C-alpha atoms as a PDB file:
ATOM      1  CA  UNK A   1      51.234  -5.350  20.742  1.00  0.00           C
ATOM      2  CA  UNK A   2      48.053  -3.294  21.026  1.00  0.00           C
ATOM      3  CA  UNK A   3      48.597  -2.010  17.472  1.00  0.00           C
ATOM      4  CA  UNK A   4      48.808  -5.569  16.183  1.00  0.00           C
ATOM      5  CA  UNK A   5      45.562  -6.558  17.967  1.00  0.00           C
ATOM      6  CA  UNK A   6      43.779  -3.474  16.571  1.00  0.00           C
ATOM      7  CA  UNK A   7      44.937  -4.299  13.026  1.00  0.00           C
ATOM      8  CA  UNK A   8      43.697  -7.896  13.370  1.00  0.00           C
ATOM      9  CA  UNK A   9      40.304  -6.664  14.575  1.00  0.00           C
ATOM     10  CA  UNK A  10      39.980  -4.306  11.580  1.00  0.00           C
ATOM     11  CA  UNK A  11      40.822  -7.132   9.169  1.00  0.00           C
ATOM     12  CA  UNK A  12      38.266  -9.396  10.840  1.00  0.00           C
ATOM     13  CA  UNK A  13      35.565  -6.687  10.608  1.00  0.00           C
ATOM     14  CA  UNK A  14      36.343  -6.074   6.948  1.00  0.00           C
ATOM     15  CA  UNK A  15      36.055  -9.784   6.157  1.00  0.00           C
ATOM     16  CA  UNK A  16      32.713  -9.993   7.993  1.00  0.00           C
ATOM     17  CA  UNK A  17      31.210  -6.970   6.231  1.00  0.00           C
ATOM     18  CA  UNK A  18      29.006  -7.814   3.206  1.00  0.00           C
ATOM     19  CA  UNK A  19      30.448  -7.074  -0.197  1.00  0.00           C
ATOM     20  CA  UNK A  20      28.754  -4.875  -2.785  1.00  0.00           C
ATOM     21  CA  UNK A  21      27.872  -7.986  -4.798  1.00  0.00           C
ATOM     22  CA  UNK A  22      26.134  -9.515  -1.795  1.00  0.00           C
ATOM     23  CA  UNK A  23      24.208  -6.281  -1.231  1.00  0.00           C
ATOM     24  CA  UNK A  24      23.066  -6.280  -4.865  1.00  0.00           C
ATOM     25  CA  UNK A  25      22.021  -9.921  -4.642  1.00  0.00           C
ATOM     26  CA  UNK A  26      20.041  -9.302  -1.451  1.00  0.00           C
ATOM     27  CA  UNK A  27      18.373  -5.919  -1.783  1.00  0.00           C
ATOM     28  CA  UNK A  28      16.573  -4.374   1.127  1.00  0.00           C
ATOM     29  CA  UNK A  29      12.935  -5.421   1.320  1.00  0.00           C
ATOM     30  CA  UNK A  30      10.437  -2.887  -0.010  1.00  0.00           C
ATOM     31  CA  UNK A  31       8.345  -1.194   2.632  1.00  0.00           C
ATOM     32  CA  UNK A  32       4.700  -0.567   1.892  1.00  0.00           C
ATOM     33  CA  UNK A  33       3.699   2.256   4.175  1.00  0.00           C
ATOM     34  CA  UNK A  34       0.568   4.316   4.472  1.00  0.00           C
ATOM     35  CA  UNK A  35       1.745   6.643   1.726  1.00  0.00           C
ATOM     36  CA  UNK A  36       2.114   3.803  -0.804  1.00  0.00           C
ATOM     37  CA  UNK A  37      -1.305   2.409   0.126  1.00  0.00           C
ATOM     38  CA  UNK A  38      -2.903   5.834  -0.276  1.00  0.00           C
ATOM     39  CA  UNK A  39      -1.236   6.307  -3.666  1.00  0.00           C
ATOM     40  CA  UNK A  40      -2.556   2.983  -4.896  1.00  0.00           C
ATOM     41  CA  UNK A  41      -6.017   3.773  -3.529  1.00  0.00           C
ATOM     42  CA  UNK A  42      -6.053   7.163  -5.280  1.00  0.00           C
ATOM     43  CA  UNK A  43      -4.958   5.536  -8.535  1.00  0.00           C
ATOM     44  CA  UNK A  44      -7.671   2.883  -8.277  1.00  0.00           C
ATOM     45  CA  UNK A  45     -10.274   5.547  -7.523  1.00  0.00           C
ATOM     46  CA  UNK A  46      -9.074   7.572 -10.526  1.00  0.00           C
ATOM     47  CA  UNK A  47      -9.458   4.585 -12.835  1.00  0.00           C
ATOM     48  CA  UNK A  48     -12.963   3.940 -11.480  1.00  0.00           C
ATOM     49  CA  UNK A  49     -13.980   7.565 -12.072  1.00  0.00           C
ATOM     50  CA  UNK A  50     -12.716   7.537 -15.660  1.00  0.00           C
ATOM     51  CA  UNK A  51     -14.381   4.190 -16.420  1.00  0.00           C
ATOM     52  CA  UNK A  52     -17.630   5.411 -14.887  1.00  0.00           C
ATOM     53  CA  UNK A  53     -17.668   8.538 -17.025  1.00  0.00           C
ATOM     54  CA  UNK A  54     -16.885   6.478 -20.122  1.00  0.00           C
ATOM     55  CA  UNK A  55     -19.869   4.339 -19.191  1.00  0.00           C
ATOM     56  CA  UNK A  56     -21.962   7.515 -18.964  1.00  0.00           C
ATOM     57  CA  UNK A  57     -20.913   8.450 -22.474  1.00  0.00           C
ATOM     58  CA  UNK A  58     -21.439   5.018 -24.026  1.00  0.00           C
ATOM     59  CA  UNK A  59     -24.583   3.898 -22.204  1.00  0.00           C
ATOM     60  CA  UNK A  60     -26.327   6.992 -20.804  1.00  0.00           C
ATOM     61  CA  UNK A  61     -29.749   5.351 -20.628  1.00  0.00           C
ATOM     62  CA  UNK A  62     -28.370   2.634 -18.350  1.00  0.00           C
ATOM     63  CA  UNK A  63     -27.191   5.162 -15.755  1.00  0.00           C
ATOM     64  CA  UNK A  64     -30.031   7.689 -16.214  1.00  0.00           C
ATOM     65  CA  UNK A  65     -33.214   6.478 -17.885  1.00  0.00           C
ATOM     66  CA  UNK A  66     -35.006   9.840 -17.841  1.00  0.00           C
ATOM     67  CA  UNK A  67     -35.286  12.353 -20.662  1.00  0.00           C
ATOM     68  CA  UNK A  68     -32.613  15.072 -20.310  1.00  0.00           C
ATOM     69  CA  UNK A  69     -34.643  17.557 -22.370  1.00  0.00           C
ATOM     70  CA  UNK A  70     -38.005  17.308 -20.632  1.00  0.00           C
ATOM     71  CA  UNK A  71     -38.836  18.568 -17.177  1.00  0.00           C
ATOM     72  CA  UNK A  72     -41.720  18.823 -14.770  1.00  0.00           C
ATOM     73  CA  UNK A  73     -42.351  22.508 -13.978  1.00  0.00           C
ATOM     74  CA  UNK A  74     -43.866  21.581 -10.624  1.00  0.00           C
ATOM     75  CA  UNK A  75     -40.535  19.997  -9.600  1.00  0.00           C
ATOM     76  CA  UNK A  76     -38.281  22.951 -10.433  1.00  0.00           C
ATOM     77  CA  UNK A  77     -35.464  23.983  -8.063  1.00  0.00           C
ATOM     78  CA  UNK A  78     -35.674  20.834  -5.974  1.00  0.00           C
ATOM     79  CA  UNK A  79     -32.579  20.235  -3.884  1.00  0.00           C
ATOM     80  CA  UNK A  80     -30.536  17.019  -4.238  1.00  0.00           C
ATOM     81  CA  UNK A  81     -32.405  14.022  -2.826  1.00  0.00           C
ATOM     82  CA  UNK A  82     -32.803  10.303  -3.329  1.00  0.00           C
ATOM     83  CA  UNK A  83     -35.250  10.998  -6.150  1.00  0.00           C
ATOM     84  CA  UNK A  84     -33.087  13.641  -7.846  1.00  0.00           C
ATOM     85  CA  UNK A  85     -29.450  12.997  -6.968  1.00  0.00           C
ATOM     86  CA  UNK A  86     -28.212  16.320  -8.373  1.00  0.00           C
ATOM     87  CA  UNK A  87     -31.481  18.217  -7.857  1.00  0.00           C
ATOM     88  CA  UNK A  88     -33.562  19.822 -10.603  1.00  0.00           C
ATOM     89  CA  UNK A  89     -33.106  22.976 -12.664  1.00  0.00           C
ATOM     90  CA  UNK A  90     -35.281  25.993 -13.340  1.00  0.00           C
ATOM     91  CA  UNK A  91     -37.782  24.070 -15.498  1.00  0.00           C
ATOM     92  CA  UNK A  92     -37.832  20.837 -13.505  1.00  0.00           C
ATOM     93  CA  UNK A  93     -35.283  18.792 -15.468  1.00  0.00           C
ATOM     94  CA  UNK A  94     -33.176  16.311 -13.518  1.00  0.00           C
ATOM     95  CA  UNK A  95     -29.615  17.669 -13.360  1.00  0.00           C
ATOM     96  CA  UNK A  96     -28.033  14.242 -12.872  1.00  0.00           C
ATOM     97  CA  UNK A  97     -29.740  12.962 -16.018  1.00  0.00           C
ATOM     98  CA  UNK A  98     -28.472  15.963 -17.959  1.00  0.00           C
ATOM     99  CA  UNK A  99     -24.936  15.433 -16.643  1.00  0.00           C
ATOM    100  CA  UNK A 100     -24.974  11.763 -17.669  1.00  0.00           C
ATOM    101  CA  UNK A 101     -26.384  12.430 -21.135  1.00  0.00           C
ATOM    102  CA  UNK A 102     -24.116  15.448 -21.589  1.00  0.00           C
ATOM    103  CA  UNK A 103     -20.987  13.382 -20.994  1.00  0.00           C
ATOM    104  CA  UNK A 104     -21.261  11.911 -24.495  1.00  0.00           C
ATOM    105  CA  UNK A 105     -20.759  15.219 -26.301  1.00  0.00           C
ATOM    106  CA  UNK A 106     -18.161  16.460 -23.825  1.00  0.00           C
ATOM    107  CA  UNK A 107     -16.027  13.315 -23.990  1.00  0.00           C
ATOM    108  CA  UNK A 108     -16.412  13.057 -27.774  1.00  0.00           C
ATOM    109  CA  UNK A 109     -15.109  16.592 -28.189  1.00  0.00           C
ATOM    110  CA  UNK A 110     -12.281  15.854 -25.763  1.00  0.00           C
ATOM    111  CA  UNK A 111     -11.238  12.661 -27.562  1.00  0.00           C
ATOM    112  CA  UNK A 112     -11.303  14.408 -30.941  1.00  0.00           C
ATOM    113  CA  UNK A 113      -9.201  17.253 -29.552  1.00  0.00           C
ATOM    114  CA  UNK A 114      -6.606  14.937 -27.975  1.00  0.00           C
ATOM    115  CA  UNK A 115      -6.562  12.786 -31.134  1.00  0.00           C
ATOM    116  CA  UNK A 116      -5.832  15.803 -33.339  1.00  0.00           C
ATOM    117  CA  UNK A 117      -3.116  17.042 -31.003  1.00  0.00           C
ATOM    118  CA  UNK A 118      -1.571  13.572 -30.669  1.00  0.00           C
ATOM    119  CA  UNK A 119      -1.441  12.782 -34.388  1.00  0.00           C
ATOM    120  CA  UNK A 120      -0.394  16.209 -35.670  1.00  0.00           C
ATOM    121  CA  UNK A 121       1.999  16.927 -32.806  1.00  0.00           C
ATOM    122  CA  UNK A 122       3.644  13.516 -33.091  1.00  0.00           C
ATOM    123  CA  UNK A 123       4.185  13.897 -36.837  1.00  0.00           C
ATOM    124  CA  UNK A 124       5.612  17.405 -36.437  1.00  0.00           C
ATOM    125  CA  UNK A 125       7.958  16.331 -33.642  1.00  0.00           C
ATOM    126  CA  UNK A 126       8.987  13.172 -35.487  1.00  0.00           C
ATOM    127  CA  UNK A 127       9.862  14.949 -38.719  1.00  0.00           C
ATOM    128  CA  UNK A 128      11.546  17.831 -36.919  1.00  0.00           C
ATOM    129  CA  UNK A 129      13.706  15.674 -34.688  1.00  0.00           C
ATOM    130  CA  UNK A 130      14.618  13.088 -37.322  1.00  0.00           C
ATOM    131  CA  UNK A 131      15.444  15.410 -40.223  1.00  0.00           C
ATOM    132  CA  UNK A 132      16.823  18.420 -38.341  1.00  0.00           C
ATOM    133  CA  UNK A 133      18.442  21.359 -40.098  1.00  0.00           C
ATOM    134  CA  UNK A 134      16.412  24.259 -41.451  1.00  0.00           C
ATOM    135  CA  UNK A 135      13.161  22.284 -41.292  1.00  0.00           C
ATOM    136  CA  UNK A 136      13.689  21.580 -37.612  1.00  0.00           C
ATOM    137  CA  UNK A 137      14.456  25.233 -36.874  1.00  0.00           C
ATOM    138  CA  UNK A 138      11.407  26.460 -38.788  1.00  0.00           C
ATOM    139  CA  UNK A 139       8.990  24.000 -37.195  1.00  0.00           C
ATOM    140  CA  UNK A 140      10.287  24.653 -33.691  1.00  0.00           C
ATOM    141  CA  UNK A 141       9.976  28.427 -34.112  1.00  0.00           C
ATOM    142  CA  UNK A 142       6.352  27.896 -35.088  1.00  0.00           C
ATOM    143  CA  UNK A 143       5.887  25.669 -32.045  1.00  0.00           C
ATOM    144  CA  UNK A 144       7.483  28.339 -29.840  1.00  0.00           C
ATOM    145  CA  UNK A 145       5.011  30.912 -31.130  1.00  0.00           C
ATOM    146  CA  UNK A 146       2.102  28.594 -30.320  1.00  0.00           C
ATOM    147  CA  UNK A 147       3.487  27.890 -26.851  1.00  0.00           C
ATOM    148  CA  UNK A 148       3.804  31.612 -26.161  1.00  0.00           C
ATOM    149  CA  UNK A 149       0.020  32.015 -26.518  1.00  0.00           C
ATOM    150  CA  UNK A 150      -2.183  30.688 -23.694  1.00  0.00           C
ATOM    151  CA  UNK A 151      -3.930  27.546 -24.937  1.00  0.00           C
ATOM    152  CA  UNK A 152      -7.419  28.700 -23.953  1.00  0.00           C
ATOM    153  CA  UNK A 153      -6.925  32.069 -25.645  1.00  0.00           C
ATOM    154  CA  UNK A 154      -5.692  30.374 -28.823  1.00  0.00           C
ATOM    155  CA  UNK A 155      -8.649  27.955 -28.719  1.00  0.00           C
ATOM    156  CA  UNK A 156     -11.032  30.872 -28.312  1.00  0.00           C
ATOM    157  CA  UNK A 157      -9.548  32.658 -31.304  1.00  0.00           C
ATOM    158  CA  UNK A 158      -9.711  29.525 -33.448  1.00  0.00           C
ATOM    159  CA  UNK A 159     -13.291  28.617 -32.538  1.00  0.00           C
ATOM    160  CA  UNK A 160     -14.339  32.196 -33.238  1.00  0.00           C
ATOM    161  CA  UNK A 161     -12.975  31.785 -36.746  1.00  0.00           C
ATOM    162  CA  UNK A 162     -14.371  28.268 -37.236  1.00  0.00           C
ATOM    163  CA  UNK A 163     -17.820  28.924 -35.837  1.00  0.00           C
ATOM    164  CA  UNK A 164     -20.051  27.370 -33.205  1.00  0.00           C
ATOM    165  CA  UNK A 165     -20.518  23.637 -32.662  1.00  0.00           C
ATOM    166  CA  UNK A 166     -19.010  20.764 -30.702  1.00  0.00           C
ATOM    167  CA  UNK A 167     -16.741  19.587 -33.537  1.00  0.00           C
ATOM    168  CA  UNK A 168     -15.393  23.089 -34.122  1.00  0.00           C
ATOM    169  CA  UNK A 169     -14.670  23.376 -30.409  1.00  0.00           C
ATOM    170  CA  UNK A 170     -12.802  20.059 -30.532  1.00  0.00           C
ATOM    171  CA  UNK A 171     -10.746  21.150 -33.556  1.00  0.00           C
ATOM    172  CA  UNK A 172      -9.843  24.462 -31.931  1.00  0.00           C
ATOM    173  CA  UNK A 173      -8.770  22.823 -28.679  1.00  0.00           C
ATOM    174  CA  UNK A 174      -6.820  20.134 -30.543  1.00  0.00           C
ATOM    175  CA  UNK A 175      -4.862  22.646 -32.630  1.00  0.00           C
ATOM    176  CA  UNK A 176      -4.019  24.652 -29.515  1.00  0.00           C
ATOM    177  CA  UNK A 177      -2.552  21.498 -27.921  1.00  0.00           C
ATOM    178  CA  UNK A 178      -0.364  20.457 -30.860  1.00  0.00           C
ATOM    179  CA  UNK A 179       2.716  22.383 -29.724  1.00  0.00           C
ATOM    180  CA  UNK A 180       3.130  20.479 -26.458  1.00  0.00           C
ATOM    181  CA  UNK A 181       2.996  17.092 -28.195  1.00  0.00           C
ATOM    182  CA  UNK A 182       5.444  18.276 -30.852  1.00  0.00           C
ATOM    183  CA  UNK A 183       7.988  19.375 -28.242  1.00  0.00           C
ATOM    184  CA  UNK A 184       7.833  16.133 -26.257  1.00  0.00           C
ATOM    185  CA  UNK A 185       7.999  13.968 -29.390  1.00  0.00           C
ATOM    186  CA  UNK A 186      10.973  15.887 -30.762  1.00  0.00           C
ATOM    187  CA  UNK A 187      12.952  15.528 -27.531  1.00  0.00           C
ATOM    188  CA  UNK A 188      12.310  11.776 -27.467  1.00  0.00           C
ATOM    189  CA  UNK A 189      13.182  11.398 -31.155  1.00  0.00           C
ATOM    190  CA  UNK A 190      16.487  13.221 -30.623  1.00  0.00           C
ATOM    191  CA  UNK A 191      17.296  10.836 -27.776  1.00  0.00           C
ATOM    192  CA  UNK A 192      16.434   7.673 -29.728  1.00  0.00           C
ATOM    193  CA  UNK A 193      18.037   8.999 -32.919  1.00  0.00           C
ATOM    194  CA  UNK A 194      21.492   8.672 -31.337  1.00  0.00           C
ATOM    195  CA  UNK A 195      20.960   5.063 -30.229  1.00  0.00           C
ATOM    196  CA  UNK A 196      23.302   2.380 -31.538  1.00  0.00           C
ATOM    197  CA  UNK A 197      20.575   0.235 -33.085  1.00  0.00           C
ATOM    198  CA  UNK A 198      19.283   3.201 -35.099  1.00  0.00           C
ATOM    199  CA  UNK A 199      22.753   3.948 -36.444  1.00  0.00           C
ATOM    200  CA  UNK A 200      23.184   0.250 -37.234  1.00  0.00           C
ATOM    201  CA  UNK A 201      19.901   0.242 -39.138  1.00  0.00           C
ATOM    202  CA  UNK A 202      21.032   3.157 -41.254  1.00  0.00           C
ATOM    203  CA  UNK A 203      24.437   1.556 -41.814  1.00  0.00           C
ATOM    204  CA  UNK A 204      22.847  -1.718 -42.948  1.00  0.00           C
ATOM    205  CA  UNK A 205      20.872   0.069 -45.664  1.00  0.00           C
ATOM    206  CA  UNK A 206      17.405   0.052 -44.135  1.00  0.00           C
ATOM    207  CA  UNK A 207      15.136   2.601 -45.803  1.00  0.00           C
ATOM    208  CA  UNK A 208      14.603   5.929 -44.055  1.00  0.00           C
ATOM    209  CA  UNK A 209      10.797   5.619 -43.572  1.00  0.00           C
ATOM    210  CA  UNK A 210      11.231   2.155 -42.080  1.00  0.00           C
ATOM    211  CA  UNK A 211      13.797   3.367 -39.552  1.00  0.00           C
ATOM    212  CA  UNK A 212      11.683   6.405 -38.799  1.00  0.00           C
ATOM    213  CA  UNK A 213       8.503   4.533 -37.929  1.00  0.00           C
ATOM    214  CA  UNK A 214       9.725   1.099 -36.873  1.00  0.00           C
ATOM    215  CA  UNK A 215      12.719   2.065 -34.756  1.00  0.00           C
ATOM    216  CA  UNK A 216      12.544   5.750 -33.825  1.00  0.00           C
ATOM    217  CA  UNK A 217       8.804   6.308 -33.355  1.00  0.00           C
ATOM    218  CA  UNK A 218       8.274   2.878 -31.811  1.00  0.00           C
ATOM    219  CA  UNK A 219      10.758   3.678 -29.041  1.00  0.00           C
ATOM    220  CA  UNK A 220       9.650   7.287 -28.510  1.00  0.00           C
ATOM    221  CA  UNK A 221       5.917   7.064 -27.946  1.00  0.00           C
ATOM    222  CA  UNK A 222       5.754   6.144 -24.224  1.00  0.00           C
ATOM    223  CA  UNK A 223       6.165   9.696 -22.830  1.00  0.00           C
ATOM    224  CA  UNK A 224       3.811  10.984 -25.531  1.00  0.00           C
ATOM    225  CA  UNK A 225       1.078   8.558 -24.449  1.00  0.00           C
ATOM    226  CA  UNK A 226       1.432   9.621 -20.817  1.00  0.00           C
ATOM    227  CA  UNK A 227       1.242  13.252 -21.958  1.00  0.00           C
ATOM    228  CA  UNK A 228      -1.963  12.426 -23.828  1.00  0.00           C
ATOM    229  CA  UNK A 229      -3.509  11.117 -20.590  1.00  0.00           C
ATOM    230  CA  UNK A 230      -2.578  14.330 -18.764  1.00  0.00           C
ATOM    231  CA  UNK A 231      -3.733  16.539 -21.631  1.00  0.00           C
ATOM    232  CA  UNK A 232      -7.023  14.661 -21.690  1.00  0.00           C
ATOM    233  CA  UNK A 233      -7.909  16.394 -18.449  1.00  0.00           C
ATOM    234  CA  UNK A 234      -6.793  19.782 -19.758  1.00  0.00           C
ATOM    235  CA  UNK A 235      -8.848  19.225 -22.911  1.00  0.00           C
ATOM    236  CA  UNK A 236     -11.950  18.561 -20.793  1.00  0.00           C
ATOM    237  CA  UNK A 237     -11.402  21.901 -19.076  1.00  0.00           C
ATOM    238  CA  UNK A 238     -10.903  23.722 -22.379  1.00  0.00           C
ATOM    239  CA  UNK A 239     -13.933  22.106 -24.047  1.00  0.00           C
ATOM    240  CA  UNK A 240     -16.089  22.835 -21.005  1.00  0.00           C
ATOM    241  CA  UNK A 241     -14.856  26.437 -20.879  1.00  0.00           C
ATOM    242  CA  UNK A 242     -15.732  27.062 -24.526  1.00  0.00           C
ATOM    243  CA  UNK A 243     -19.081  25.357 -24.015  1.00  0.00           C
ATOM    244  CA  UNK A 244     -19.645  27.588 -20.983  1.00  0.00           C
ATOM    245  CA  UNK A 245     -19.030  30.618 -23.194  1.00  0.00           C
ATOM    246  CA  UNK A 246     -21.660  29.403 -25.655  1.00  0.00           C
ATOM    247  CA  UNK A 247     -19.508  27.958 -28.449  1.00  0.00           C
ATOM    248  CA  UNK A 248     -20.609  24.352 -27.965  1.00  0.00           C
ATOM    249  CA  UNK A 249     -23.846  22.544 -28.728  1.00  0.00           C
ATOM    250  CA  UNK A 250     -27.028  24.532 -29.186  1.00  0.00           C
ATOM    251  CA  UNK A 251     -29.277  24.544 -26.069  1.00  0.00           C
ATOM    252  CA  UNK A 252     -31.122  22.637 -24.718  1.00  0.00           C
ATOM    253  CA  UNK A 253     -28.654  19.897 -25.716  1.00  0.00           C
ATOM    254  CA  UNK A 254     -26.719  19.144 -22.517  1.00  0.00           C
ATOM    255  CA  UNK A 255     -22.969  19.622 -22.291  1.00  0.00           C
ATOM    256  CA  UNK A 256     -20.937  19.891 -19.118  1.00  0.00           C
ATOM    257  CA  UNK A 257     -19.885  23.469 -19.721  1.00  0.00           C
ATOM    258  CA  UNK A 258     -23.331  24.621 -20.793  1.00  0.00           C
ATOM    259  CA  UNK A 259     -24.894  23.013 -17.709  1.00  0.00           C
ATOM    260  CA  UNK A 260     -22.717  25.209 -15.500  1.00  0.00           C
ATOM    261  CA  UNK A 261     -23.611  28.230 -17.615  1.00  0.00           C
ATOM    262  CA  UNK A 262     -27.322  27.508 -17.226  1.00  0.00           C
ATOM    263  CA  UNK A 263     -27.095  27.494 -13.454  1.00  0.00           C
ATOM    264  CA  UNK A 264     -24.966  30.604 -12.927  1.00  0.00           C
ATOM    265  CA  UNK A 265     -28.066  32.838 -12.816  1.00  0.00           C
ATOM    266  CA  UNK A 266     -29.609  30.732 -10.051  1.00  0.00           C
ATOM    267  CA  UNK A 267     -26.703  30.383  -7.619  1.00  0.00           C
ATOM    268  CA  UNK A 268     -28.648  32.034  -4.809  1.00  0.00           C
ATOM    269  CA  UNK A 269     -31.563  29.605  -4.982  1.00  0.00           C
ATOM    270  CA  UNK A 270     -30.111  26.502  -6.693  1.00  0.00           C
ATOM    271  CA  UNK A 271     -26.377  26.142  -6.024  1.00  0.00           C
ATOM    272  CA  UNK A 272     -26.436  22.499  -7.148  1.00  0.00           C
ATOM    273  CA  UNK A 273     -27.065  23.464 -10.792  1.00  0.00           C
ATOM    274  CA  UNK A 274     -23.464  24.700 -11.112  1.00  0.00           C
ATOM    275  CA  UNK A 275     -21.651  23.065  -8.202  1.00  0.00           C
ATOM    276  CA  UNK A 276     -22.421  19.405  -8.890  1.00  0.00           C
ATOM    277  CA  UNK A 277     -21.646  19.418 -12.662  1.00  0.00           C
ATOM    278  CA  UNK A 278     -18.499  21.370 -11.788  1.00  0.00           C
ATOM    279  CA  UNK A 279     -17.469  18.719  -9.266  1.00  0.00           C
ATOM    280  CA  UNK A 280     -17.933  16.035 -11.922  1.00  0.00           C
ATOM    281  CA  UNK A 281     -15.567  17.925 -14.245  1.00  0.00           C
ATOM    282  CA  UNK A 282     -13.028  18.378 -11.434  1.00  0.00           C
ATOM    283  CA  UNK A 283     -13.153  14.668 -10.551  1.00  0.00           C
ATOM    284  CA  UNK A 284     -12.562  13.601 -14.158  1.00  0.00           C
ATOM    285  CA  UNK A 285      -9.728  16.102 -14.683  1.00  0.00           C
ATOM    286  CA  UNK A 286      -7.911  15.080 -11.485  1.00  0.00           C
ATOM    287  CA  UNK A 287      -8.385  11.389 -12.286  1.00  0.00           C
ATOM    288  CA  UNK A 288      -6.956  11.829 -15.781  1.00  0.00           C
ATOM    289  CA  UNK A 289      -3.967  13.694 -14.349  1.00  0.00           C
ATOM    290  CA  UNK A 290      -3.312  10.962 -11.787  1.00  0.00           C
ATOM    291  CA  UNK A 291      -3.432   8.227 -14.425  1.00  0.00           C
ATOM    292  CA  UNK A 292      -1.189  10.254 -16.727  1.00  0.00           C
ATOM    293  CA  UNK A 293       1.448  10.743 -14.025  1.00  0.00           C
ATOM    294  CA  UNK A 294       1.370   7.029 -13.246  1.00  0.00           C
ATOM    295  CA  UNK A 295       1.872   6.181 -16.927  1.00  0.00           C
ATOM    296  CA  UNK A 296       4.749   8.650 -17.070  1.00  0.00           C
ATOM    297  CA  UNK A 297       6.408   7.005 -14.042  1.00  0.00           C
ATOM    298  CA  UNK A 298       5.959   3.513 -15.469  1.00  0.00           C
ATOM    299  CA  UNK A 299       7.355   4.658 -18.811  1.00  0.00           C
ATOM    300  CA  UNK A 300      10.547   5.755 -17.141  1.00  0.00           C
END
């Protein structure tokens, strides 16, 4: 008798339990905790930083109306204050003004570098992954060689061969970044290449270039775009490093890397000449990385 009662209770519990379909139709409510709020706040702050720096590059006179090349010798080595937010340098020039006006060259070089890497790397990865065979093997071995060399060292070797100047720095950094874009593009192309709609397009007689660009590339670019956002920050570091070494614009034209180089001899008496431009670079790099990771998550 007790066994019969126990069996009836188990059947009743099973009937009362929600089915898998009911669970799918009524998912658990999302919880927005402190961590989620902080992540959204960091992302918003990152976007603000990037937009602000873009504003520096496009409209420098709006954010800093002074002349970045002229200084007042009597005001040299003044610490940061309400009058000079980032202090002054060894000849009385306002460091904040030089940072704002120097963002144009630094961001231009960075955009050129990322553009070169994006276009060339995407084409290499697209052709390699779509065609395959000996061409794929040859291109990927070349990419492996480039990946085996540190990007900054390769950029330094290339800019030494190309010569000084902001554009040459951008070209050198862009070529050094091609391999990463080629690898990511190739992996995405290989994934999309096996899709049913791509095979159907080939079977229906659609021309190869049309399938390549309309179907394969169109459905492979999302991870590449998120990589471009992350590499934007790395390109800023590389461009600033080469500018710091003296390969960028000719002084006294301000660039972020050259501003840090100018202040390294005065660290004992004017720490702000290197620290504050360096913090600007760090803020932009971290913001670009945060936006890139968010794009990568949304793409998946």
